Amino acid sequence: MNDDDTALEVLAHINTVTGSRFRVPSAELNARIREGATVEQCKLVVDYLWSMWKNDPKMREYLDSVTPFRPRNFAVKYLPKAERWLEEGSQSPIREAFRKHAAENAEPVNE
């Protein structure tokens, strides 16, 4: 999958989760993907933020393809918290896909 397709897949997920109708991925989302963020990581952040912000109309406005994907927001704030949320047993719709991806890309353990 190329970067444009990846960004569109993440944008479609944002739209599905939030009920929005965003049409064009932001420069921030595209930059995180070019830097190596996976579809699973991006979707996980969206799911995490939705779980935190869905009942707060003010914060819900920030669940788009800009705010979560600003460099400091994504790498320092949201992705680590989303990964911890996943590990602690979240009800993320992409939970199994993320775990499967992580398992497939894990380094073999030599005993």
Protein backbone atom coordinates (compact mmCIF):
# COMPACT_ATOMS: atom_id res chain seq x y z
CA MET A 1 0.00 0.00 0.00
CA ASN A 2 1.42 3.40 -0.91
CA ASP A 3 1.42 6.41 1.40
CA ASP A 4 -1.59 8.04 -0.30
CA ASP A 5 -3.67 4.88 0.10
CA THR A 6 -2.56 4.59 3.72
CA ALA A 7 -3.59 8.17 4.47
CA LEU A 8 -6.97 7.64 2.80
CA GLU A 9 -7.54 4.46 4.81
CA VAL A 10 -6.82 6.32 8.06
CA LEU A 11 -9.05 9.20 6.97
CA ALA A 12 -11.87 6.76 6.20
CA HIS A 13 -11.44 5.32 9.70
CA ILE A 14 -11.65 8.80 11.24
CA ASN A 15 -14.84 9.41 9.27
CA THR A 16 -16.34 6.08 10.32
CA VAL A 17 -15.52 6.53 13.99
CA THR A 18 -16.56 10.18 14.25
CA GLY A 19 -19.32 10.38 11.65
CA SER A 20 -17.36 13.11 9.86
CA ARG A 21 -16.95 13.62 6.14
CA PHE A 22 -13.33 14.65 5.76
CA ARG A 23 -12.19 14.24 2.17
CA VAL A 24 -8.51 15.15 2.06
CA PRO A 25 -5.85 13.90 4.49
CA SER A 26 -3.92 16.66 6.23
CA ALA A 27 -0.24 17.41 5.79
CA GLU A 28 0.24 16.25 9.40
CA LEU A 29 -1.26 12.80 8.73
CA ASN A 30 0.72 12.43 5.51
CA ALA A 31 3.93 13.38 7.33
CA ARG A 32 3.44 10.78 10.08
CA ILE A 33 2.88 8.10 7.45
CA ARG A 34 5.98 9.14 5.51
CA GLU A 35 7.90 8.90 8.80
CA GLY A 36 6.80 5.29 9.17
CA ALA A 37 3.60 5.35 11.24
CA THR A 38 1.51 2.33 10.31
CA VAL A 39 -2.19 2.22 9.48
CA GLU A 40 -2.69 0.24 12.68
CA GLN A 41 -0.92 2.84 14.82
CA CYS A 42 -2.88 5.70 13.28
CA LYS A 43 -6.19 3.90 13.70
CA LEU A 44 -5.29 2.98 17.25
CA VAL A 45 -4.69 6.65 18.11
CA VAL A 46 -8.05 7.55 16.56
CA ASP A 47 -9.82 4.83 18.54
CA TYR A 48 -8.07 5.84 21.76
CA LEU A 49 -8.93 9.51 21.34
CA TRP A 50 -12.53 8.66 20.44
CA SER A 51 -12.84 6.62 23.62
CA MET A 52 -11.51 9.59 25.61
CA TRP A 53 -13.28 12.43 23.78
CA LYS A 54 -16.57 11.02 22.43
CA ASN A 55 -18.62 12.49 25.29
CA ASP A 56 -16.89 15.88 25.24
CA PRO A 57 -18.22 18.08 22.40
CA LYS A 58 -15.30 20.52 22.72
CA MET A 59 -12.61 17.83 22.44
CA ARG A 60 -14.45 15.89 19.72
CA GLU A 61 -13.82 18.85 17.41
CA TYR A 62 -10.11 18.02 17.55
CA LEU A 63 -10.52 14.46 16.31
CA ASP A 64 -9.58 15.08 12.71
CA SER A 65 -6.56 14.39 10.53
CA VAL A 66 -4.64 17.37 11.93
CA THR A 67 -4.53 17.57 15.73
CA PRO A 68 -3.80 13.90 16.59
CA PHE A 69 -1.09 13.74 13.94
CA ARG A 70 0.95 16.81 14.80
CA PRO A 71 4.49 15.53 15.47
CA ARG A 72 4.59 16.08 19.22
CA ASN A 73 0.96 15.06 19.73
CA PHE A 74 1.32 11.78 17.85
CA ALA A 75 4.75 10.58 18.94
CA VAL A 76 4.92 11.92 22.48
CA LYS A 77 1.35 12.15 23.73
CA TYR A 78 -1.16 10.02 21.88
CA LEU A 79 0.60 6.96 20.46
CA PRO A 80 2.24 5.89 23.76
CA LYS A 81 -1.05 6.38 25.62
CA ALA A 82 -2.99 4.52 22.93
CA GLU A 83 -0.56 1.59 23.05
CA ARG A 84 -0.87 1.44 26.85
CA TRP A 85 -4.67 1.64 26.49
CA LEU A 86 -4.51 -1.31 24.09
CA GLU A 87 -2.29 -3.35 26.42
CA GLU A 88 -4.65 -2.71 29.33
CA GLY A 89 -7.54 -4.33 27.49
CA SER A 90 -9.26 -1.59 25.54
CA GLN A 91 -12.25 -2.28 23.36
CA SER A 92 -10.54 -0.90 20.26
CA PRO A 93 -12.12 -2.06 16.99
CA ILE A 94 -8.65 -2.64 15.58
CA ARG A 95 -7.23 -4.35 18.64
CA GLU A 96 -6.76 -7.78 17.07
CA ALA A 97 -5.37 -6.36 13.82
CA PHE A 98 -2.81 -4.35 15.78
CA ARG A 99 -1.77 -7.35 17.86
CA LYS A 100 -1.53 -9.55 14.77
CA HIS A 101 0.67 -6.96 13.04
CA ALA A 102 2.89 -6.68 16.13
CA ALA A 103 3.22 -10.46 16.39
CA GLU A 104 4.12 -10.79 12.70
CA ASN A 105 6.82 -8.16 13.03
CA ALA A 106 8.27 -9.26 16.36
CA GLU A 107 11.91 -10.22 16.57
CA PRO A 108 12.44 -13.94 17.14
CA VAL A 109 13.55 -14.87 20.63
CA ASN A 110 16.70 -17.01 20.85
CA GLU A 111 16.90 -19.16 23.94
